C-alpha atoms as a PDB file:
ATOM      1  CA  MET A   1     -29.795 -60.418 -40.749  1.00  0.00           C
ATOM      2  CA  LYS A   2     -31.740 -57.172 -40.545  1.00  0.00           C
ATOM      3  CA  GLU A   3     -30.425 -54.408 -42.812  1.00  0.00           C
ATOM      4  CA  SER A   4     -28.905 -51.431 -41.015  1.00  0.00           C
ATOM      5  CA  LEU A   5     -30.661 -48.185 -41.955  1.00  0.00           C
ATOM      6  CA  ASP A   6     -27.737 -45.974 -40.954  1.00  0.00           C
ATOM      7  CA  THR A   7     -27.879 -43.480 -43.848  1.00  0.00           C
ATOM      8  CA  LEU A   8     -30.537 -41.320 -45.412  1.00  0.00           C
ATOM      9  CA  ALA A   9     -30.173 -43.236 -48.665  1.00  0.00           C
ATOM     10  CA  LYS A  10     -30.822 -46.592 -46.987  1.00  0.00           C
ATOM     11  CA  ARG A  11     -33.869 -45.253 -45.171  1.00  0.00           C
ATOM     12  CA  VAL A  12     -35.262 -43.795 -48.411  1.00  0.00           C
ATOM     13  CA  LYS A  13     -34.677 -47.030 -50.314  1.00  0.00           C
ATOM     14  CA  PHE A  14     -36.199 -49.110 -47.507  1.00  0.00           C
ATOM     15  CA  MET A  15     -39.414 -47.048 -47.419  1.00  0.00           C
ATOM     16  CA  ARG A  16     -39.568 -46.751 -51.219  1.00  0.00           C
ATOM     17  CA  ASN A  17     -39.446 -50.534 -51.596  1.00  0.00           C
ATOM     18  CA  LYS A  18     -41.943 -50.992 -48.773  1.00  0.00           C
ATOM     19  CA  LYS A  19     -44.441 -48.782 -50.604  1.00  0.00           C
ATOM     20  CA  GLY A  20     -43.736 -50.443 -53.943  1.00  0.00           C
ATOM     21  CA  LEU A  21     -42.466 -47.278 -55.611  1.00  0.00           C
ATOM     22  CA  THR A  22     -39.891 -47.144 -58.383  1.00  0.00           C
ATOM     23  CA  GLN A  23     -37.164 -44.507 -58.325  1.00  0.00           C
ATOM     24  CA  ALA A  24     -38.975 -42.716 -61.155  1.00  0.00           C
ATOM     25  CA  GLN A  25     -42.286 -42.734 -59.277  1.00  0.00           C
ATOM     26  CA  LEU A  26     -40.719 -41.343 -56.112  1.00  0.00           C
ATOM     27  CA  GLY A  27     -38.886 -38.713 -58.140  1.00  0.00           C
ATOM     28  CA  LYS A  28     -42.191 -37.611 -59.661  1.00  0.00           C
ATOM     29  CA  LEU A  29     -43.809 -37.429 -56.229  1.00  0.00           C
ATOM     30  CA  ILE A  30     -41.203 -34.948 -54.998  1.00  0.00           C
ATOM     31  CA  GLY A  31     -41.059 -33.019 -58.267  1.00  0.00           C
ATOM     32  CA  ALA A  32     -37.530 -34.088 -59.110  1.00  0.00           C
ATOM     33  CA  ASP A  33     -35.773 -35.909 -61.924  1.00  0.00           C
ATOM     34  CA  PRO A  34     -35.691 -39.714 -61.398  1.00  0.00           C
ATOM     35  CA  SER A  35     -31.883 -39.539 -61.383  1.00  0.00           C
ATOM     36  CA  VAL A  36     -32.046 -37.700 -58.032  1.00  0.00           C
ATOM     37  CA  ILE A  37     -33.344 -40.819 -56.285  1.00  0.00           C
ATOM     38  CA  GLY A  38     -31.014 -43.123 -58.212  1.00  0.00           C
ATOM     39  CA  ASN A  39     -27.960 -41.038 -57.371  1.00  0.00           C
ATOM     40  CA  LEU A  40     -28.935 -40.750 -53.701  1.00  0.00           C
ATOM     41  CA  GLU A  41     -29.360 -44.503 -53.293  1.00  0.00           C
ATOM     42  CA  ARG A  42     -26.389 -45.512 -55.429  1.00  0.00           C
ATOM     43  CA  ARG A  43     -23.989 -43.191 -53.625  1.00  0.00           C
ATOM     44  CA  ASN A  44     -25.464 -44.070 -50.224  1.00  0.00           C
ATOM     45  CA  GLY A  45     -25.986 -40.358 -49.609  1.00  0.00           C
ATOM     46  CA  LYS A  46     -26.298 -39.020 -46.073  1.00  0.00           C
ATOM     47  CA  SER A  47     -28.146 -35.805 -46.978  1.00  0.00           C
ATOM     48  CA  SER A  48     -30.359 -34.342 -49.674  1.00  0.00           C
ATOM     49  CA  SER A  49     -32.014 -31.015 -50.483  1.00  0.00           C
ATOM     50  CA  TYR A  50     -35.233 -33.012 -51.025  1.00  0.00           C
ATOM     51  CA  THR A  51     -35.372 -34.494 -47.515  1.00  0.00           C
ATOM     52  CA  GLU A  52     -38.601 -32.742 -46.454  1.00  0.00           C
ATOM     53  CA  ALA A  53     -40.335 -33.616 -49.730  1.00  0.00           C
ATOM     54  CA  LEU A  54     -39.148 -37.215 -49.405  1.00  0.00           C
ATOM     55  CA  ALA A  55     -40.572 -37.463 -45.881  1.00  0.00           C
ATOM     56  CA  THR A  56     -43.936 -36.208 -47.137  1.00  0.00           C
ATOM     57  CA  ALA A  57     -43.991 -38.474 -50.177  1.00  0.00           C
ATOM     58  CA  LEU A  58     -42.943 -41.556 -48.211  1.00  0.00           C
ATOM     59  CA  GLY A  59     -45.255 -40.836 -45.301  1.00  0.00           C
ATOM     60  CA  VAL A  60     -42.528 -40.931 -42.675  1.00  0.00           C
ATOM     61  CA  ASN A  61     -41.426 -38.929 -39.687  1.00  0.00           C
ATOM     62  CA  LEU A  62     -39.001 -36.231 -40.914  1.00  0.00           C
ATOM     63  CA  SER A  63     -36.710 -36.509 -37.892  1.00  0.00           C
ATOM     64  CA  TRP A  64     -36.416 -40.268 -38.420  1.00  0.00           C
ATOM     65  CA  LEU A  65     -35.621 -39.824 -42.105  1.00  0.00           C
ATOM     66  CA  ILE A  66     -32.882 -37.295 -41.304  1.00  0.00           C
ATOM     67  CA  SER A  67     -31.237 -39.044 -38.362  1.00  0.00           C
ATOM     68  CA  GLY A  68     -32.685 -42.544 -38.093  1.00  0.00           C
ATOM     69  CA  SER A  69     -33.678 -41.878 -34.488  1.00  0.00           C
ATOM     70  CA  GLY A  70     -37.148 -41.919 -32.989  1.00  0.00           C
ATOM     71  CA  ASP A  71     -40.168 -43.646 -34.466  1.00  0.00           C
ATOM     72  CA  SER A  72     -39.168 -45.139 -37.784  1.00  0.00           C
ATOM     73  CA  HIS A  73     -42.264 -44.171 -39.678  1.00  0.00           C
ATOM     74  CA  THR A  74     -45.463 -42.612 -38.465  1.00  0.00           C
ATOM     75  CA  GLU A  75     -47.828 -43.281 -41.317  1.00  0.00           C
ATOM     76  CA  VAL A  76     -51.257 -41.676 -41.334  1.00  0.00           C
ATOM     77  CA  SER A  77     -54.326 -43.541 -42.513  1.00  0.00           C
ATOM     78  CA  SER A  78     -56.784 -40.969 -43.789  1.00  0.00           C
ATOM     79  CA  ALA A  79     -60.393 -40.836 -44.816  1.00  0.00           C
ATOM     80  CA  ASP A  80     -62.469 -38.104 -46.386  1.00  0.00           C
ATOM     81  CA  VAL A  81     -64.083 -37.206 -43.060  1.00  0.00           C
ATOM     82  CA  SER A  82     -63.187 -34.967 -40.132  1.00  0.00           C
ATOM     83  CA  VAL A  83     -60.586 -36.441 -37.814  1.00  0.00           C
ATOM     84  CA  GLN A  84     -59.128 -35.453 -34.476  1.00  0.00           C
ATOM     85  CA  SER A  85     -55.867 -33.498 -34.380  1.00  0.00           C
ATOM     86  CA  GLY A  86     -54.772 -32.635 -30.865  1.00  0.00           C
ATOM     87  CA  LYS A  87     -57.650 -30.705 -29.315  1.00  0.00           C
ATOM     88  CA  SER A  88     -59.311 -29.513 -32.537  1.00  0.00           C
ATOM     89  CA  ASP A  89     -61.031 -31.134 -35.487  1.00  0.00           C
ATOM     90  CA  TYR A  90     -59.895 -30.691 -39.036  1.00  0.00           C
ATOM     91  CA  VAL A  91     -61.040 -31.959 -42.406  1.00  0.00           C
ATOM     92  CA  ILE A  92     -59.020 -34.144 -44.729  1.00  0.00           C
ATOM     93  CA  VAL A  93     -59.302 -33.421 -48.439  1.00  0.00           C
ATOM     94  CA  GLY A  94     -58.385 -36.076 -50.980  1.00  0.00           C
ATOM     95  CA  GLY A  95     -59.757 -39.375 -49.678  1.00  0.00           C
ATOM     96  CA  LYS A  96     -57.553 -42.360 -48.856  1.00  0.00           C
ATOM     97  CA  THR A  97     -53.789 -41.996 -48.897  1.00  0.00           C
ATOM     98  CA  ASP A  98     -50.626 -43.981 -48.277  1.00  0.00           C
ATOM     99  CA  PHE A  99     -48.629 -40.863 -47.438  1.00  0.00           C
ATOM    100  CA  SER A 100     -48.450 -38.347 -44.627  1.00  0.00           C
ATOM    101  CA  LEU A 101     -51.100 -35.660 -44.629  1.00  0.00           C
ATOM    102  CA  VAL A 102     -50.115 -32.107 -45.558  1.00  0.00           C
ATOM    103  CA  GLU A 103     -51.607 -29.513 -43.232  1.00  0.00           C
ATOM    104  CA  ILE A 104     -52.420 -26.126 -44.777  1.00  0.00           C
ATOM    105  CA  PRO A 105     -52.954 -23.185 -42.387  1.00  0.00           C
ATOM    106  CA  TYR A 106     -56.439 -21.706 -42.277  1.00  0.00           C
ATOM    107  CA  LYS A 107     -56.002 -18.033 -41.400  1.00  0.00           C
ATOM    108  CA  ASP A 108     -58.372 -15.167 -40.736  1.00  0.00           C
ATOM    109  CA  LEU A 109     -57.826 -13.743 -44.219  1.00  0.00           C
ATOM    110  CA  GLN A 110     -60.361 -12.531 -46.761  1.00  0.00           C
ATOM    111  CA  ALA A 111     -60.257 -11.507 -50.399  1.00  0.00           C
ATOM    112  CA  SER A 112     -63.054  -9.238 -51.524  1.00  0.00           C
ATOM    113  CA  CYS A 113     -65.093 -10.209 -54.566  1.00  0.00           C
ATOM    114  CA  GLY A 114     -66.120  -6.576 -54.691  1.00  0.00           C
ATOM    115  CA  GLY A 115     -64.563  -3.291 -53.663  1.00  0.00           C
ATOM    116  CA  GLY A 116     -61.676  -4.580 -51.581  1.00  0.00           C
ATOM    117  CA  ILE A 117     -61.014  -5.410 -47.939  1.00  0.00           C
ATOM    118  CA  ILE A 118     -58.125  -4.686 -45.580  1.00  0.00           C
ATOM    119  CA  ASN A 119     -56.739  -7.698 -43.698  1.00  0.00           C
ATOM    120  CA  LEU A 120     -54.880  -7.615 -40.410  1.00  0.00           C
ATOM    121  CA  GLU A 121     -51.108  -7.432 -40.721  1.00  0.00           C
ATOM    122  CA  TYR A 122     -50.788 -10.547 -38.557  1.00  0.00           C
ATOM    123  CA  PRO A 123     -53.951 -12.597 -39.127  1.00  0.00           C
ATOM    124  CA  GLU A 124     -54.975 -15.171 -36.558  1.00  0.00           C
ATOM    125  CA  GLN A 125     -54.658 -18.803 -37.549  1.00  0.00           C
ATOM    126  CA  LYS A 126     -58.068 -20.436 -37.177  1.00  0.00           C
ATOM    127  CA  GLY A 127     -56.895 -23.984 -37.720  1.00  0.00           C
ATOM    128  CA  VAL A 128     -55.765 -26.277 -40.525  1.00  0.00           C
ATOM    129  CA  ILE A 129     -57.203 -28.399 -43.276  1.00  0.00           C
ATOM    130  CA  ALA A 130     -55.230 -31.509 -44.173  1.00  0.00           C
ATOM    131  CA  PHE A 131     -54.705 -32.471 -47.801  1.00  0.00           C
ATOM    132  CA  THR A 132     -53.396 -35.702 -49.252  1.00  0.00           C
ATOM    133  CA  VAL A 133     -50.232 -35.751 -51.335  1.00  0.00           C
ATOM    134  CA  GLU A 134     -52.277 -37.290 -54.147  1.00  0.00           C
ATOM    135  CA  PHE A 135     -54.722 -34.367 -54.181  1.00  0.00           C
ATOM    136  CA  LEU A 136     -51.941 -31.779 -54.277  1.00  0.00           C
ATOM    137  CA  ARG A 137     -50.034 -33.620 -56.990  1.00  0.00           C
ATOM    138  CA  GLU A 138     -53.128 -34.069 -59.171  1.00  0.00           C
ATOM    139  CA  ASN A 139     -53.825 -30.328 -58.935  1.00  0.00           C
ATOM    140  CA  ASP A 140     -50.202 -29.405 -59.753  1.00  0.00           C
ATOM    141  CA  LEU A 141     -49.616 -27.950 -56.291  1.00  0.00           C
ATOM    142  CA  PRO A 142     -46.518 -28.302 -54.083  1.00  0.00           C
ATOM    143  CA  ILE A 143     -46.792 -31.619 -52.265  1.00  0.00           C
ATOM    144  CA  ASP A 144     -45.087 -30.188 -49.170  1.00  0.00           C
ATOM    145  CA  GLY A 145     -47.775 -27.488 -48.928  1.00  0.00           C
ATOM    146  CA  LYS A 146     -45.283 -24.627 -48.935  1.00  0.00           C
ATOM    147  CA  GLY A 147     -46.830 -21.392 -50.198  1.00  0.00           C
ATOM    148  CA  LEU A 148     -50.414 -22.642 -49.879  1.00  0.00           C
ATOM    149  CA  LEU A 149     -53.005 -20.804 -47.794  1.00  0.00           C
ATOM    150  CA  LEU A 150     -56.708 -21.064 -47.080  1.00  0.00           C
ATOM    151  CA  MET A 151     -58.761 -17.869 -47.025  1.00  0.00           C
ATOM    152  CA  HIS A 152     -62.356 -16.752 -47.441  1.00  0.00           C
ATOM    153  CA  ALA A 153     -63.964 -14.792 -50.249  1.00  0.00           C
ATOM    154  CA  CYS A 154     -66.423 -12.072 -49.351  1.00  0.00           C
ATOM    155  CA  GLY A 155     -68.876 -10.181 -51.561  1.00  0.00           C
ATOM    156  CA  ASP A 156     -70.746 -11.385 -54.640  1.00  0.00           C
ATOM    157  CA  SER A 157     -68.900  -9.917 -57.617  1.00  0.00           C
ATOM    158  CA  MET A 158     -67.631 -13.358 -58.654  1.00  0.00           C
ATOM    159  CA  GLY A 159     -71.198 -14.621 -58.907  1.00  0.00           C
ATOM    160  CA  TYR A 160     -71.755 -18.364 -58.813  1.00  0.00           C
ATOM    161  CA  THR A 161     -68.060 -19.056 -59.450  1.00  0.00           C
ATOM    162  CA  ILE A 162     -67.034 -17.964 -55.950  1.00  0.00           C
ATOM    163  CA  PRO A 163     -70.082 -17.142 -53.802  1.00  0.00           C
ATOM    164  CA  HIS A 164     -69.793 -15.033 -50.662  1.00  0.00           C
ATOM    165  CA  GLY A 165     -68.176 -16.987 -47.840  1.00  0.00           C
ATOM    166  CA  THR A 166     -66.407 -19.512 -50.074  1.00  0.00           C
ATOM    167  CA  LEU A 167     -63.243 -21.031 -48.641  1.00  0.00           C
ATOM    168  CA  MET A 168     -60.411 -20.810 -51.180  1.00  0.00           C
ATOM    169  CA  LEU A 169     -57.105 -22.652 -51.455  1.00  0.00           C
ATOM    170  CA  VAL A 170     -54.602 -20.178 -52.894  1.00  0.00           C
ATOM    171  CA  ASN A 171     -51.028 -20.630 -54.058  1.00  0.00           C
ATOM    172  CA  THR A 172     -48.732 -17.745 -53.146  1.00  0.00           C
ATOM    173  CA  ASN A 173     -45.969 -19.276 -55.289  1.00  0.00           C
ATOM    174  CA  GLU A 174     -47.930 -18.077 -58.348  1.00  0.00           C
ATOM    175  CA  ARG A 175     -47.622 -14.345 -57.807  1.00  0.00           C
ATOM    176  CA  GLU A 176     -45.480 -13.134 -60.692  1.00  0.00           C
ATOM    177  CA  TYR A 177     -47.442 -10.240 -62.184  1.00  0.00           C
ATOM    178  CA  GLU A 178     -45.552 -10.397 -65.467  1.00  0.00           C
ATOM    179  CA  ASN A 179     -46.080 -14.133 -65.935  1.00  0.00           C
ATOM    180  CA  PHE A 180     -49.623 -14.775 -64.788  1.00  0.00           C
ATOM    181  CA  ILE A 181     -52.031 -16.898 -66.858  1.00  0.00           C
ATOM    182  CA  SER A 182     -54.951 -15.131 -68.549  1.00  0.00           C
ATOM    183  CA  ASN A 183     -58.491 -16.157 -67.648  1.00  0.00           C
ATOM    184  CA  LYS A 184     -57.495 -17.452 -64.210  1.00  0.00           C
ATOM    185  CA  ILE A 185     -58.620 -16.093 -60.851  1.00  0.00           C
ATOM    186  CA  TYR A 186     -56.105 -14.333 -58.624  1.00  0.00           C
ATOM    187  CA  VAL A 187     -55.963 -12.450 -55.355  1.00  0.00           C
ATOM    188  CA  PHE A 188     -54.519  -8.965 -55.785  1.00  0.00           C
ATOM    189  CA  ASN A 189     -53.419  -6.254 -53.405  1.00  0.00           C
ATOM    190  CA  ALA A 190     -54.643  -2.856 -54.550  1.00  0.00           C
ATOM    191  CA  ASP A 191     -53.495   0.023 -52.349  1.00  0.00           C
ATOM    192  CA  GLY A 192     -53.502  -2.270 -49.322  1.00  0.00           C
ATOM    193  CA  GLU A 193     -56.882  -3.853 -50.017  1.00  0.00           C
ATOM    194  CA  SER A 194     -57.298  -7.505 -50.984  1.00  0.00           C
ATOM    195  CA  ILE A 195     -59.456  -8.222 -54.040  1.00  0.00           C
ATOM    196  CA  CYS A 196     -60.302 -11.405 -55.943  1.00  0.00           C
ATOM    197  CA  LYS A 197     -60.876 -11.171 -59.714  1.00  0.00           C
ATOM    198  CA  ARG A 198     -60.459 -13.033 -62.975  1.00  0.00           C
ATOM    199  CA  ALA A 199     -57.535 -11.505 -64.871  1.00  0.00           C
ATOM    200  CA  PHE A 200     -56.775 -11.087 -68.569  1.00  0.00           C
ATOM    201  CA  LYS A 201     -53.579  -9.875 -70.199  1.00  0.00           C
ATOM    202  CA  ASN A 202     -53.839  -7.183 -72.847  1.00  0.00           C
ATOM    203  CA  LEU A 203     -51.407  -6.603 -75.706  1.00  0.00           C
ATOM    204  CA  ASP A 204     -50.628  -3.074 -74.495  1.00  0.00           C
ATOM    205  CA  GLY A 205     -49.370  -4.357 -71.148  1.00  0.00           C
ATOM    206  CA  THR A 206     -52.491  -3.546 -69.183  1.00  0.00           C
ATOM    207  CA  VAL A 207     -54.587  -6.081 -67.294  1.00  0.00           C
ATOM    208  CA  THR A 208     -58.365  -6.361 -67.305  1.00  0.00           C
ATOM    209  CA  LEU A 209     -59.916  -7.442 -64.017  1.00  0.00           C
ATOM    210  CA  VAL A 210     -63.243  -9.164 -64.612  1.00  0.00           C
ATOM    211  CA  SER A 211     -66.044 -10.063 -62.207  1.00  0.00           C
ATOM    212  CA  ASP A 212     -67.905 -13.266 -63.053  1.00  0.00           C
ATOM    213  CA  ASN A 213     -71.144 -11.711 -61.818  1.00  0.00           C
ATOM    214  CA  ALA A 214     -73.245 -11.004 -64.926  1.00  0.00           C
ATOM    215  CA  ASP A 215     -74.439  -7.642 -63.554  1.00  0.00           C
ATOM    216  CA  LYS A 216     -71.898  -5.400 -65.284  1.00  0.00           C
ATOM    217  CA  ASN A 217     -73.693  -2.249 -64.103  1.00  0.00           C
ATOM    218  CA  ARG A 218     -72.686  -3.120 -60.550  1.00  0.00           C
ATOM    219  CA  TYR A 219     -69.434  -4.856 -61.383  1.00  0.00           C
ATOM    220  CA  PRO A 220     -67.933  -3.432 -64.584  1.00  0.00           C
ATOM    221  CA  ASP A 221     -64.642  -4.732 -65.960  1.00  0.00           C
ATOM    222  CA  GLN A 222     -61.661  -2.684 -64.841  1.00  0.00           C
ATOM    223  CA  ILE A 223     -58.515  -2.042 -66.855  1.00  0.00           C
ATOM    224  CA  VAL A 224     -55.429  -1.769 -64.680  1.00  0.00           C
ATOM    225  CA  ASN A 225     -52.194  -0.086 -65.669  1.00  0.00           C
ATOM    226  CA  LYS A 226     -49.278   1.251 -63.673  1.00  0.00           C
ATOM    227  CA  ASN A 227     -51.151   4.454 -62.894  1.00  0.00           C
ATOM    228  CA  THR A 228     -54.446   2.927 -61.742  1.00  0.00           C
ATOM    229  CA  PHE A 229     -53.258   2.319 -58.170  1.00  0.00           C
ATOM    230  CA  ASP A 230     -50.372   3.705 -56.152  1.00  0.00           C
ATOM    231  CA  ASP A 231     -49.503   0.157 -55.189  1.00  0.00           C
ATOM    232  CA  PHE A 232     -50.738  -2.928 -57.053  1.00  0.00           C
ATOM    233  CA  SER A 233     -49.439  -6.456 -56.790  1.00  0.00           C
ATOM    234  CA  MET A 234     -50.476 -10.064 -57.200  1.00  0.00           C
ATOM    235  CA  ASP A 235     -50.648 -12.078 -53.972  1.00  0.00           C
ATOM    236  CA  ALA A 236     -51.704 -15.555 -55.083  1.00  0.00           C
ATOM    237  CA  ARG A 237     -53.617 -17.630 -57.597  1.00  0.00           C
ATOM    238  CA  VAL A 238     -56.889 -19.232 -56.534  1.00  0.00           C
ATOM    239  CA  ARG A 239     -56.423 -22.934 -57.194  1.00  0.00           C
ATOM    240  CA  TYR A 240     -59.373 -24.641 -55.495  1.00  0.00           C
ATOM    241  CA  THR A 241     -62.638 -23.517 -53.932  1.00  0.00           C
ATOM    242  CA  PHE A 242     -64.912 -25.166 -51.408  1.00  0.00           C
ATOM    243  CA  ASN A 243     -68.246 -23.736 -52.474  1.00  0.00           C
ATOM    244  CA  LYS A 244     -71.131 -23.828 -50.053  1.00  0.00           C
ATOM    245  CA  GLN A 245     -74.032 -26.003 -51.120  1.00  0.00           C
END
């Protein structure tokens, strides 16, 4: 007799077993404690705050996972080549996958590796690039794609690290000015202009913005304190770059 998949818990367990995942492995995929999956399945839960993450990790249709209606599971077979999505092409990053692809918006945004650039208040979305769950997890990024954006760098102050025109994957979840990591590259907003620099914390509370370009006459290091700009904030951390060859 075929098992009835009439609760969220049963649908999760069914797909987890089908993919050969343990409760601990699925918990890791969604960034949760293994007990979350165990409790959901044991109690035959009908809802969960991790439903969207579970749909992504299991490679299933979200509406089916929530209600059980519609196509049971629309799994995507990916390759590391461009594929067709509706009427436009997009690129998949991460190779083969057993899970649903995570589409990251590609907007008309730029961060200046130089003197700064002003972006439109409502930038046009140019398209998407699809990432695999495995790629996001391996790079310690949210597997549901929330907070991730793709934008271009312009200018040459970051030298060979981020050449002009480089497409960057940035994480807007990492924007706490007080808790940023030294010697990492961030996108900042300085008086309304977007800039991309390597940042270092100083013991006196200031921050040194460094250009990777070796020409320090053109691109000297800049120490930033509360009085340097009228408005200064951190927008995102640069987590991956697609350098032109």
